[in-house]
Structure formats: C-alpha cells, structure tokens
C-alpha cells in the first residue's frame, strides 16, 4: 500500500473532524435550534439568525458525510489495497462547484486537493497485496 492510499482516508476523516468542531465553535445557533425544538428551525430565511442556523446544520451534516466517506475509503483500501476512483470523483464533484460559488470564503478547496490526491492514488498500482487477499 502506498503512502497516498494510507493518508487520503486519514485526511478525509481529519477534514470531517474539523467540520464537526467548526459546527460548534463558529458563531453558531445550536442553542436557538434546541430552544425552538429542532423541527423546522432552519426553514424561515427571513428569521433573525437564519444564516448562523444554516451554517451550523451544514457544517455538522458535511462532517458526518465526510466521516462516512473517509471510513468507507479506509475500509476499501484495507480490502483492495487501493482507493476507489469514485472517491476522488465524488470529492471533486463536491469541491469544484463549492469553490466556484463560494471561493475564497470557503475551505472547499481542501475537497479539491483531497479529490486529486484520491484520483492519483486510485490510478497507481498497489505496492503490496491487500490484507484481504492474504487471508
């Protein structure tokens, strides 16, 4: 297994953790969301504090989805010895539009970098036999 196959899943998971942390550290609205009872608390775009509520929810959601992608990528590497190309394409399909829309006020460029690294890793031959094949 080459270094990229080992590090890309770790970097995706680290990005997920950063999203979780930022969801609660940034100027957030979790107290408002909880006070209003969770259900439909981010639907009124004219409500005061709407943007803080929306950012809080989206950072938490993005963190969860990146955690899923990172842990599944790690499992795929353990089973096959390489990152599936789809991981890189998914990251690029998410990161490029976000960069085009929000850049430079977003960290979505990190998704583009991770996507490119994942594609590079996916097209390199595995350096060693995968763990699953040796069983």
Protein backbone atom coordinates (compact mmCIF):
# COMPACT_ATOMS: atom_id res chain seq x y z
CA UNK A 1 0.00 0.00 0.00
CA UNK A 2 1.47 3.34 -0.99
CA UNK A 3 1.51 6.45 1.17
CA UNK A 4 -1.43 8.13 -0.57
CA UNK A 5 -3.63 5.09 -0.03
CA UNK A 6 -2.80 5.29 3.64
CA UNK A 7 -3.06 9.08 4.02
CA UNK A 8 -6.05 10.11 1.90
CA UNK A 9 -8.61 8.32 4.13
CA UNK A 10 -6.94 9.83 7.19
CA UNK A 11 -7.10 13.30 5.65
CA UNK A 12 -10.79 12.87 4.75
CA UNK A 13 -11.52 11.82 8.35
CA UNK A 14 -9.48 14.76 9.68
CA UNK A 15 -11.49 17.11 7.45
CA UNK A 16 -14.64 15.57 8.88
CA UNK A 17 -13.45 16.20 12.43
CA UNK A 18 -12.68 19.82 11.53
CA UNK A 19 -16.26 20.18 10.25
CA UNK A 20 -17.66 18.79 13.50
CA UNK A 21 -15.51 21.13 15.56
CA UNK A 22 -16.33 24.15 13.42
CA UNK A 23 -20.07 23.37 13.63
CA UNK A 24 -19.87 24.08 17.36
CA UNK A 25 -17.01 26.63 17.58
CA UNK A 26 -18.10 29.11 14.92
CA UNK A 27 -20.78 31.68 15.74
CA UNK A 28 -23.45 29.01 15.85
CA UNK A 29 -27.12 28.80 16.67
CA UNK A 30 -27.40 25.43 18.39
CA UNK A 31 -28.95 26.98 21.49
CA UNK A 32 -31.63 28.62 19.29
CA UNK A 33 -32.21 25.39 17.36
CA UNK A 34 -32.59 23.40 20.60
CA UNK A 35 -34.81 26.05 22.20
CA UNK A 36 -37.11 26.03 19.16
CA UNK A 37 -37.39 22.24 19.26
CA UNK A 38 -35.21 21.16 16.29
CA UNK A 39 -38.09 20.51 13.85
CA UNK A 40 -38.26 23.07 11.04
CA UNK A 41 -36.00 25.53 12.88
CA UNK A 42 -33.98 26.40 9.77
CA UNK A 43 -36.73 26.98 7.20
CA UNK A 44 -37.55 30.67 7.56
CA UNK A 45 -34.87 32.51 5.57
CA UNK A 46 -36.10 35.87 6.91
CA UNK A 47 -35.76 34.87 10.57
CA UNK A 48 -33.04 36.59 12.60
CA UNK A 49 -30.02 34.32 12.93
CA UNK A 50 -31.02 32.19 9.93
CA UNK A 51 -27.52 32.15 8.45
CA UNK A 52 -25.93 31.00 11.72
CA UNK A 53 -28.51 28.23 11.99
CA UNK A 54 -27.95 27.15 8.42
CA UNK A 55 -24.15 27.16 8.77
CA UNK A 56 -24.37 25.14 11.99
CA UNK A 57 -26.50 22.45 10.37
CA UNK A 58 -24.48 22.29 7.14
CA UNK A 59 -21.13 22.01 8.89
CA UNK A 60 -22.48 19.18 11.06
CA UNK A 61 -24.00 17.42 8.04
CA UNK A 62 -20.85 17.81 5.94
CA UNK A 63 -18.80 16.43 8.84
CA UNK A 64 -20.99 13.34 9.05
CA UNK A 65 -20.86 12.72 5.30
CA UNK A 66 -17.10 13.17 5.17
CA UNK A 67 -16.73 10.77 8.09
CA UNK A 68 -18.75 8.16 6.18
CA UNK A 69 -16.67 8.71 3.04
CA UNK A 70 -13.39 8.59 4.96
CA UNK A 71 -14.16 5.43 6.91
CA UNK A 72 -15.54 3.65 3.85
CA UNK A 73 -12.46 4.67 1.87
CA UNK A 74 -10.25 3.31 4.64
CA UNK A 75 -12.17 0.01 4.51
CA UNK A 76 -11.86 -0.16 0.70
CA UNK A 77 -8.11 0.36 0.97
CA UNK A 78 -7.85 -2.42 3.56
CA UNK A 79 -9.84 -4.80 1.37
CA UNK A 80 -8.42 -3.98 -2.06
CA UNK A 81 -5.14 -2.18 -1.44
CA UNK A 82 -6.26 0.96 -3.27
CA UNK A 83 -8.66 3.87 -3.13
CA UNK A 84 -11.64 3.57 -5.49
CA UNK A 85 -11.55 6.27 -8.20
CA UNK A 86 -15.14 7.19 -7.29
CA UNK A 87 -13.89 8.70 -4.03
CA UNK A 88 -11.77 11.22 -5.91
CA UNK A 89 -14.56 11.99 -8.36
CA UNK A 90 -17.10 12.47 -5.52
CA UNK A 91 -14.74 14.86 -3.72
CA UNK A 92 -14.14 16.83 -6.92
CA UNK A 93 -17.86 16.89 -7.77
CA UNK A 94 -18.47 18.45 -4.36
CA UNK A 95 -15.41 20.69 -4.07
CA UNK A 96 -15.26 22.26 -7.54
CA UNK A 97 -18.81 23.72 -7.53
CA UNK A 98 -18.36 24.94 -3.96
CA UNK A 99 -15.09 26.63 -4.93
CA UNK A 100 -16.74 28.24 -7.94
CA UNK A 101 -19.68 29.52 -5.89
CA UNK A 102 -18.12 30.41 -2.53
CA UNK A 103 -14.38 30.85 -3.17
CA UNK A 104 -12.38 32.31 -1.45
CA UNK A 105 -14.51 32.31 1.72
CA UNK A 106 -14.72 28.54 1.93
CA UNK A 107 -12.42 25.66 2.68
CA UNK A 108 -13.87 23.63 -0.19
CA UNK A 109 -10.51 23.88 -1.94
CA UNK A 110 -9.46 21.16 0.54
CA UNK A 111 -12.01 18.83 -1.07
CA UNK A 112 -10.49 19.55 -4.48
CA UNK A 113 -7.00 18.75 -3.18
CA UNK A 114 -8.24 15.55 -1.49
CA UNK A 115 -10.09 14.58 -4.68
CA UNK A 116 -6.97 14.99 -6.81
CA UNK A 117 -4.88 13.02 -4.29
CA UNK A 118 -7.51 10.26 -4.21
CA UNK A 119 -7.51 10.04 -8.02
CA UNK A 120 -3.71 9.88 -8.12
CA UNK A 121 -3.76 7.10 -5.51
CA UNK A 122 -6.54 5.20 -7.31
CA UNK A 123 -4.64 5.03 -10.59
CA UNK A 124 -1.38 3.81 -9.08
CA UNK A 125 -0.90 0.08 -8.78
CA UNK A 126 -0.96 -1.19 -5.19
CA UNK A 127 2.55 -1.57 -3.79
CA UNK A 128 1.70 -4.72 -1.84
CA UNK A 129 -1.01 -7.35 -1.76
CA UNK A 130 -4.12 -6.21 0.11
CA UNK A 131 -4.79 -7.64 3.55
CA UNK A 132 -7.94 -9.44 2.38
CA UNK A 133 -6.06 -11.33 -0.34
CA UNK A 134 -3.52 -12.68 2.13
CA UNK A 135 -6.19 -14.37 4.26
